[in-house]
Amino acid sequence: LLTHLSVKRHLDPLPPGFFYNGQQYVSFFGEKKHFHPQMDQFIAEYVEEANREIDLFNNQLEQQQHQDLFDP
């Protein structure tokens, strides 16, 4: 998941104080990161979207009529 999000979002705008050197994200204080500084936000957005899709799927299942196999 991290690799997928990292590849997909590696060129997203950076927060102030960071730049991308082609391999790492570097802060003006010299801190280096292998993942985008906003990766936590990207993960939260991914989970939120996945949960929406799951809710939609579950709602569709609930609307389908089903027969209880143990009901006489």
PDB file of N, CA and C in Angstrom:
ATOM      1  N   LEU A   1       0.830  -1.196   0.000  1.00  0.00           N
ATOM      2  CA  LEU A   1       0.000   0.000   0.000  1.00  0.00           C
ATOM      3  C   LEU A   1       0.873   1.258   0.000  1.00  0.00           C
ATOM      4  N   LEU A   2       1.885   1.272   0.871  1.00  0.00           N
ATOM      5  CA  LEU A   2       2.740   2.465   0.926  1.00  0.00           C
ATOM      6  C   LEU A   2       3.451   2.700  -0.400  1.00  0.00           C
ATOM      7  N   THR A   3       3.939   1.624  -1.003  1.00  0.00           N
ATOM      8  CA  THR A   3       4.636   1.776  -2.279  1.00  0.00           C
ATOM      9  C   THR A   3       3.682   2.287  -3.351  1.00  0.00           C
ATOM     10  N   HIS A   4       2.474   1.725  -3.389  1.00  0.00           N
ATOM     11  CA  HIS A   4       1.476   2.164  -4.374  1.00  0.00           C
ATOM     12  C   HIS A   4       1.150   3.648  -4.196  1.00  0.00           C
ATOM     13  N   LEU A   5       0.867   4.057  -2.962  1.00  0.00           N
ATOM     14  CA  LEU A   5       0.549   5.467  -2.703  1.00  0.00           C
ATOM     15  C   LEU A   5       1.749   6.362  -2.980  1.00  0.00           C
ATOM     16  N   SER A   6       2.931   5.876  -2.643  1.00  0.00           N
ATOM     17  CA  SER A   6       4.137   6.675  -2.853  1.00  0.00           C
ATOM     18  C   SER A   6       4.366   6.943  -4.338  1.00  0.00           C
ATOM     19  N   VAL A   7       4.206   5.916  -5.149  1.00  0.00           N
ATOM     20  CA  VAL A   7       4.388   6.078  -6.595  1.00  0.00           C
ATOM     21  C   VAL A   7       3.305   6.982  -7.169  1.00  0.00           C
ATOM     22  N   LYS A   8       2.073   6.770  -6.724  1.00  0.00           N
ATOM     23  CA  LYS A   8       0.942   7.529  -7.255  1.00  0.00           C
ATOM     24  C   LYS A   8       0.996   9.005  -6.867  1.00  0.00           C
ATOM     25  N   ARG A   9       1.496   9.317  -5.676  1.00  0.00           N
ATOM     26  CA  ARG A   9       1.383  10.687  -5.161  1.00  0.00           C
ATOM     27  C   ARG A   9       2.733  11.375  -4.936  1.00  0.00           C
ATOM     28  N   HIS A  10       3.819  10.809  -5.455  1.00  0.00           N
ATOM     29  CA  HIS A  10       5.141  11.362  -5.146  1.00  0.00           C
ATOM     30  C   HIS A  10       5.359  12.777  -5.676  1.00  0.00           C
ATOM     31  N   LEU A  11       4.578  13.191  -6.656  1.00  0.00           N
ATOM     32  CA  LEU A  11       4.739  14.546  -7.194  1.00  0.00           C
ATOM     33  C   LEU A  11       3.651  15.507  -6.721  1.00  0.00           C
ATOM     34  N   ASP A  12       2.849  15.077  -5.736  1.00  0.00           N
ATOM     35  CA  ASP A  12       1.850  15.988  -5.165  1.00  0.00           C
ATOM     36  C   ASP A  12       2.564  17.179  -4.532  1.00  0.00           C
ATOM     37  N   PRO A  13       1.886  18.323  -4.449  1.00  0.00           N
ATOM     38  CA  PRO A  13       2.515  19.508  -3.847  1.00  0.00           C
ATOM     39  C   PRO A  13       3.053  19.210  -2.446  1.00  0.00           C
ATOM     40  N   LEU A  14       4.196  19.778  -2.178  1.00  0.00           N
ATOM     41  CA  LEU A  14       4.849  19.579  -0.881  1.00  0.00           C
ATOM     42  C   LEU A  14       4.467  20.689   0.084  1.00  0.00           C
ATOM     43  N   PRO A  15       4.463  20.371   1.369  1.00  0.00           N
ATOM     44  CA  PRO A  15       4.212  21.428   2.354  1.00  0.00           C
ATOM     45  C   PRO A  15       5.392  22.397   2.375  1.00  0.00           C
ATOM     46  N   PRO A  16       5.169  23.591   2.869  1.00  0.00           N
ATOM     47  CA  PRO A  16       6.277  24.556   2.951  1.00  0.00           C
ATOM     48  C   PRO A  16       7.454  23.966   3.730  1.00  0.00           C
ATOM     49  N   GLY A  17       8.646  24.239   3.242  1.00  0.00           N
ATOM     50  CA  GLY A  17       9.848  23.788   3.935  1.00  0.00           C
ATOM     51  C   GLY A  17      10.391  22.464   3.448  1.00  0.00           C
ATOM     52  N   PHE A  18       9.786  21.865   2.420  1.00  0.00           N
ATOM     53  CA  PHE A  18      10.264  20.595   1.872  1.00  0.00           C
ATOM     54  C   PHE A  18      10.535  20.741   0.386  1.00  0.00           C
ATOM     55  N   PHE A  19      11.487  19.942  -0.106  1.00  0.00           N
ATOM     56  CA  PHE A  19      11.693  19.813  -1.540  1.00  0.00           C
ATOM     57  C   PHE A  19      12.012  18.353  -1.835  1.00  0.00           C
ATOM     58  N   TYR A  20      11.842  17.969  -3.090  1.00  0.00           N
ATOM     59  CA  TYR A  20      12.089  16.596  -3.523  1.00  0.00           C
ATOM     60  C   TYR A  20      13.339  16.599  -4.380  1.00  0.00           C
ATOM     61  N   ASN A  21      14.345  15.794  -4.018  1.00  0.00           N
ATOM     62  CA  ASN A  21      15.597  15.782  -4.762  1.00  0.00           C
ATOM     63  C   ASN A  21      15.649  14.673  -5.813  1.00  0.00           C
ATOM     64  N   GLY A  22      14.507  14.038  -6.068  1.00  0.00           N
ATOM     65  CA  GLY A  22      14.447  12.953  -7.036  1.00  0.00           C
ATOM     66  C   GLY A  22      14.493  11.588  -6.388  1.00  0.00           C
ATOM     67  N   GLN A  23      14.963  11.522  -5.149  1.00  0.00           N
ATOM     68  CA  GLN A  23      15.021  10.256  -4.422  1.00  0.00           C
ATOM     69  C   GLN A  23      14.410  10.352  -3.032  1.00  0.00           C
ATOM     70  N   GLN A  24      14.551  11.516  -2.419  1.00  0.00           N
ATOM     71  CA  GLN A  24      14.062  11.705  -1.056  1.00  0.00           C
ATOM     72  C   GLN A  24      13.405  13.073  -0.929  1.00  0.00           C
ATOM     73  N   TYR A  25      12.572  13.171   0.102  1.00  0.00           N
ATOM     74  CA  TYR A  25      11.970  14.457   0.467  1.00  0.00           C
ATOM     75  C   TYR A  25      12.843  15.036   1.564  1.00  0.00           C
ATOM     76  N   VAL A  26      13.275  16.265   1.362  1.00  0.00           N
ATOM     77  CA  VAL A  26      14.227  16.873   2.284  1.00  0.00           C
ATOM     78  C   VAL A  26      13.627  18.166   2.831  1.00  0.00           C
ATOM     79  N   SER A  27      13.696  18.298   4.163  1.00  0.00           N
ATOM     80  CA  SER A  27      13.243  19.549   4.777  1.00  0.00           C
ATOM     81  C   SER A  27      14.407  20.531   4.757  1.00  0.00           C
ATOM     82  N   PHE A  28      14.100  21.787   4.956  1.00  0.00           N
ATOM     83  CA  PHE A  28      15.157  22.792   4.991  1.00  0.00           C
ATOM     84  C   PHE A  28      16.048  22.629   6.214  1.00  0.00           C
ATOM     85  N   PHE A  29      15.633  21.780   7.153  1.00  0.00           N
ATOM     86  CA  PHE A  29      16.465  21.487   8.322  1.00  0.00           C
ATOM     87  C   PHE A  29      17.356  20.277   8.086  1.00  0.00           C
ATOM     88  N   GLY A  30      17.272  19.677   6.884  1.00  0.00           N
ATOM     89  CA  GLY A  30      18.124  18.554   6.530  1.00  0.00           C
ATOM     90  C   GLY A  30      17.514  17.189   6.807  1.00  0.00           C
ATOM     91  N   GLU A  31      16.307  17.151   7.355  1.00  0.00           N
ATOM     92  CA  GLU A  31      15.635  15.876   7.616  1.00  0.00           C
ATOM     93  C   GLU A  31      15.251  15.240   6.283  1.00  0.00           C
ATOM     94  N   LYS A  32      15.587  13.957   6.111  1.00  0.00           N
ATOM     95  CA  LYS A  32      15.292  13.256   4.858  1.00  0.00           C
ATOM     96  C   LYS A  32      14.242  12.180   5.109  1.00  0.00           C
ATOM     97  N   LYS A  33      13.310  12.075   4.162  1.00  0.00           N
ATOM     98  CA  LYS A  33      12.247  11.071   4.246  1.00  0.00           C
ATOM     99  C   LYS A  33      12.163  10.350   2.910  1.00  0.00           C
ATOM    100  N   HIS A  34      11.866   9.061   2.978  1.00  0.00           N
ATOM    101  CA  HIS A  34      11.679   8.298   1.742  1.00  0.00           C
ATOM    102  C   HIS A  34      10.251   8.417   1.221  1.00  0.00           C
ATOM    103  N   PHE A  35       9.324   8.794   2.093  1.00  0.00           N
ATOM    104  CA  PHE A  35       7.929   8.956   1.699  1.00  0.00           C
ATOM    105  C   PHE A  35       7.541  10.425   1.765  1.00  0.00           C
ATOM    106  N   HIS A  36       6.548  10.780   0.981  1.00  0.00           N
ATOM    107  CA  HIS A  36       6.029  12.147   0.941  1.00  0.00           C
ATOM    108  C   HIS A  36       5.698  12.604   2.365  1.00  0.00           C
ATOM    109  N   PRO A  37       6.009  13.848   2.713  1.00  0.00           N
ATOM    110  CA  PRO A  37       5.739  14.337   4.072  1.00  0.00           C
ATOM    111  C   PRO A  37       4.265  14.263   4.473  1.00  0.00           C
ATOM    112  N   GLN A  38       3.374  14.191   3.511  1.00  0.00           N
ATOM    113  CA  GLN A  38       1.947  14.115   3.815  1.00  0.00           C
ATOM    114  C   GLN A  38       1.392  12.699   3.629  1.00  0.00           C
ATOM    115  N   MET A  39       2.262  11.693   3.735  1.00  0.00           N
ATOM    116  CA  MET A  39       1.840  10.309   3.533  1.00  0.00           C
ATOM    117  C   MET A  39       0.722   9.910   4.497  1.00  0.00           C
ATOM    118  N   ASP A  40       0.751  10.396   5.731  1.00  0.00           N
ATOM    119  CA  ASP A  40      -0.323  10.080   6.683  1.00  0.00           C
ATOM    120  C   ASP A  40      -1.676  10.534   6.143  1.00  0.00           C
ATOM    121  N   GLN A  41      -1.710  11.702   5.544  1.00  0.00           N
ATOM    122  CA  GLN A  41      -2.953  12.221   4.957  1.00  0.00           C
ATOM    123  C   GLN A  41      -3.377  11.357   3.775  1.00  0.00           C
ATOM    124  N   PHE A  42      -2.425  10.952   2.937  1.00  0.00           N
ATOM    125  CA  PHE A  42      -2.737  10.121   1.777  1.00  0.00           C
ATOM    126  C   PHE A  42      -3.323   8.780   2.218  1.00  0.00           C
ATOM    127  N   ILE A  43      -2.761   8.206   3.275  1.00  0.00           N
ATOM    128  CA  ILE A  43      -3.267   6.935   3.800  1.00  0.00           C
ATOM    129  C   ILE A  43      -4.682   7.122   4.334  1.00  0.00           C
ATOM    130  N   ALA A  44      -4.912   8.199   5.069  1.00  0.00           N
ATOM    131  CA  ALA A  44      -6.246   8.466   5.618  1.00  0.00           C
ATOM    132  C   ALA A  44      -7.268   8.624   4.491  1.00  0.00           C
ATOM    133  N   GLU A  45      -6.899   9.315   3.420  1.00  0.00           N
ATOM    134  CA  GLU A  45      -7.801   9.485   2.282  1.00  0.00           C
ATOM    135  C   GLU A  45      -8.090   8.143   1.609  1.00  0.00           C
ATOM    136  N   TYR A  46      -7.060   7.312   1.480  1.00  0.00           N
ATOM    137  CA  TYR A  46      -7.228   5.988   0.877  1.00  0.00           C
ATOM    138  C   TYR A  46      -8.188   5.138   1.709  1.00  0.00           C
ATOM    139  N   VAL A  47      -7.997   5.132   3.024  1.00  0.00           N
ATOM    140  CA  VAL A  47      -8.854   4.347   3.917  1.00  0.00           C
ATOM    141  C   VAL A  47     -10.290   4.864   3.859  1.00  0.00           C
ATOM    142  N   GLU A  48     -10.445   6.175   3.825  1.00  0.00           N
ATOM    143  CA  GLU A  48     -11.781   6.773   3.738  1.00  0.00           C
ATOM    144  C   GLU A  48     -12.493   6.337   2.456  1.00  0.00           C
ATOM    145  N   GLU A  49     -11.786   6.361   1.337  1.00  0.00           N
ATOM    146  CA  GLU A  49     -12.372   5.943   0.061  1.00  0.00           C
ATOM    147  C   GLU A  49     -12.691   4.445   0.081  1.00  0.00           C
ATOM    148  N   ALA A  50     -11.794   3.638   0.613  1.00  0.00           N
ATOM    149  CA  ALA A  50     -12.041   2.195   0.708  1.00  0.00           C
ATOM    150  C   ALA A  50     -13.265   1.917   1.575  1.00  0.00           C
ATOM    151  N   ASN A  51     -13.410   2.634   2.671  1.00  0.00           N
ATOM    152  CA  ASN A  51     -14.571   2.453   3.544  1.00  0.00           C
ATOM    153  C   ASN A  51     -15.865   2.855   2.843  1.00  0.00           C
ATOM    154  N   ARG A  52     -15.821   3.908   2.024  1.00  0.00           N
ATOM    155  CA  ARG A  52     -17.009   4.303   1.256  1.00  0.00           C
ATOM    156  C   ARG A  52     -17.421   3.187   0.291  1.00  0.00           C
ATOM    157  N   GLU A  53     -16.428   2.598  -0.379  1.00  0.00           N
ATOM    158  CA  GLU A  53     -16.720   1.511  -1.312  1.00  0.00           C
ATOM    159  C   GLU A  53     -17.286   0.298  -0.577  1.00  0.00           C
ATOM    160  N   ILE A  54     -16.755  -0.007   0.581  1.00  0.00           N
ATOM    161  CA  ILE A  54     -17.253  -1.130   1.383  1.00  0.00           C
ATOM    162  C   ILE A  54     -18.679  -0.863   1.838  1.00  0.00           C
ATOM    163  N   ASP A  55     -18.954   0.352   2.299  1.00  0.00           N
ATOM    164  CA  ASP A  55     -20.309   0.712   2.721  1.00  0.00           C
ATOM    165  C   ASP A  55     -21.294   0.588   1.556  1.00  0.00           C
ATOM    166  N   LEU A  56     -20.892   1.047   0.383  1.00  0.00           N
ATOM    167  CA  LEU A  56     -21.747   0.946  -0.797  1.00  0.00           C
ATOM    168  C   LEU A  56     -22.041  -0.517  -1.116  1.00  0.00           C
ATOM    169  N   PHE A  57     -21.019  -1.341  -1.100  1.00  0.00           N
ATOM    170  CA  PHE A  57     -21.184  -2.770  -1.369  1.00  0.00           C
ATOM    171  C   PHE A  57     -22.108  -3.409  -0.336  1.00  0.00           C
ATOM    172  N   ASN A  58     -21.892  -3.101   0.937  1.00  0.00           N
ATOM    173  CA  ASN A  58     -22.730  -3.656   2.000  1.00  0.00           C
ATOM    174  C   ASN A  58     -24.181  -3.206   1.859  1.00  0.00           C
ATOM    175  N   ASN A  59     -24.399  -1.950   1.504  1.00  0.00           N
ATOM    176  CA  ASN A  59     -25.764  -1.448   1.293  1.00  0.00           C
ATOM    177  C   ASN A  59     -26.445  -2.166   0.133  1.00  0.00           C
ATOM    178  N   GLN A  60     -25.687  -2.434  -0.921  1.00  0.00           N
ATOM    179  CA  GLN A  60     -26.250  -3.166  -2.057  1.00  0.00           C
ATOM    180  C   GLN A  60     -26.627  -4.586  -1.650  1.00  0.00           C
ATOM    181  N   LEU A  61     -25.803  -5.217  -0.831  1.00  0.00           N
ATOM    182  CA  LEU A  61     -26.123  -6.561  -0.351  1.00  0.00           C
ATOM    183  C   LEU A  61     -27.370  -6.563   0.517  1.00  0.00           C
ATOM    184  N   GLU A  62     -27.509  -5.565   1.367  1.00  0.00           N
ATOM    185  CA  GLU A  62     -28.663  -5.489   2.256  1.00  0.00           C
ATOM    186  C   GLU A  62     -29.960  -5.311   1.480  1.00  0.00           C
ATOM    187  N   GLN A  63     -29.895  -4.678   0.321  1.00  0.00           N
ATOM    188  CA  GLN A  63     -31.101  -4.430  -0.464  1.00  0.00           C
ATOM    189  C   GLN A  63     -31.513  -5.638  -1.301  1.00  0.00           C
ATOM    190  N   GLN A  64     -30.627  -6.599  -1.437  1.00  0.00           N
ATOM    191  CA  GLN A  64     -30.973  -7.809  -2.179  1.00  0.00           C
ATOM    192  C   GLN A  64     -31.825  -8.708  -1.291  1.00  0.00           C
ATOM    193  N   GLN A  65     -32.835  -9.310  -1.903  1.00  0.00           N
ATOM    194  CA  GLN A  65     -33.646 -10.251  -1.143  1.00  0.00           C
ATOM    195  C   GLN A  65     -32.876 -11.560  -1.030  1.00  0.00           C
ATOM    196  N   HIS A  66     -32.912 -12.123   0.141  1.00  0.00           N
ATOM    197  CA  HIS A  66     -32.253 -13.409   0.337  1.00  0.00           C
ATOM    198  C   HIS A  66     -33.168 -14.318   1.144  1.00  0.00           C
ATOM    199  N   GLN A  67     -33.015 -15.580   0.901  1.00  0.00           N
ATOM    200  CA  GLN A  67     -33.838 -16.565   1.586  1.00  0.00           C
ATOM    201  C   GLN A  67     -33.004 -17.214   2.677  1.00  0.00           C
ATOM    202  N   ASP A  68     -33.574 -17.286   3.852  1.00  0.00           N
ATOM    203  CA  ASP A  68     -32.906 -17.934   4.971  1.00  0.00           C
ATOM    204  C   ASP A  68     -32.983 -19.442   4.767  1.00  0.00           C
ATOM    205  N   LEU A  69     -31.857 -20.099   4.671  1.00  0.00           N
ATOM    206  CA  LEU A  69     -31.826 -21.535   4.428  1.00  0.00           C
ATOM    207  C   LEU A  69     -32.391 -22.337   5.597  1.00  0.00           C
ATOM    208  N   PHE A  70     -32.399 -21.758   6.780  1.00  0.00           N
ATOM    209  CA  PHE A  70     -32.868 -22.464   7.967  1.00  0.00           C
ATOM    210  C   PHE A  70     -34.309 -22.109   8.321  1.00  0.00           C
ATOM    211  N   ASP A  71     -34.930 -21.271   7.511  1.00  0.00           N
ATOM    212  CA  ASP A  71     -36.317 -20.881   7.750  1.00  0.00           C
ATOM    213  C   ASP A  71     -37.225 -21.871   7.016  1.00  0.00           C
ATOM    214  N   PRO A  72     -38.171 -22.501   7.716  1.00  0.00           N
ATOM    215  CA  PRO A  72     -39.013 -23.528   7.059  1.00  0.00           C
ATOM    216  C   PRO A  72     -39.907 -22.993   5.993  1.00  0.00           C
TER     217      PRO A  72
END
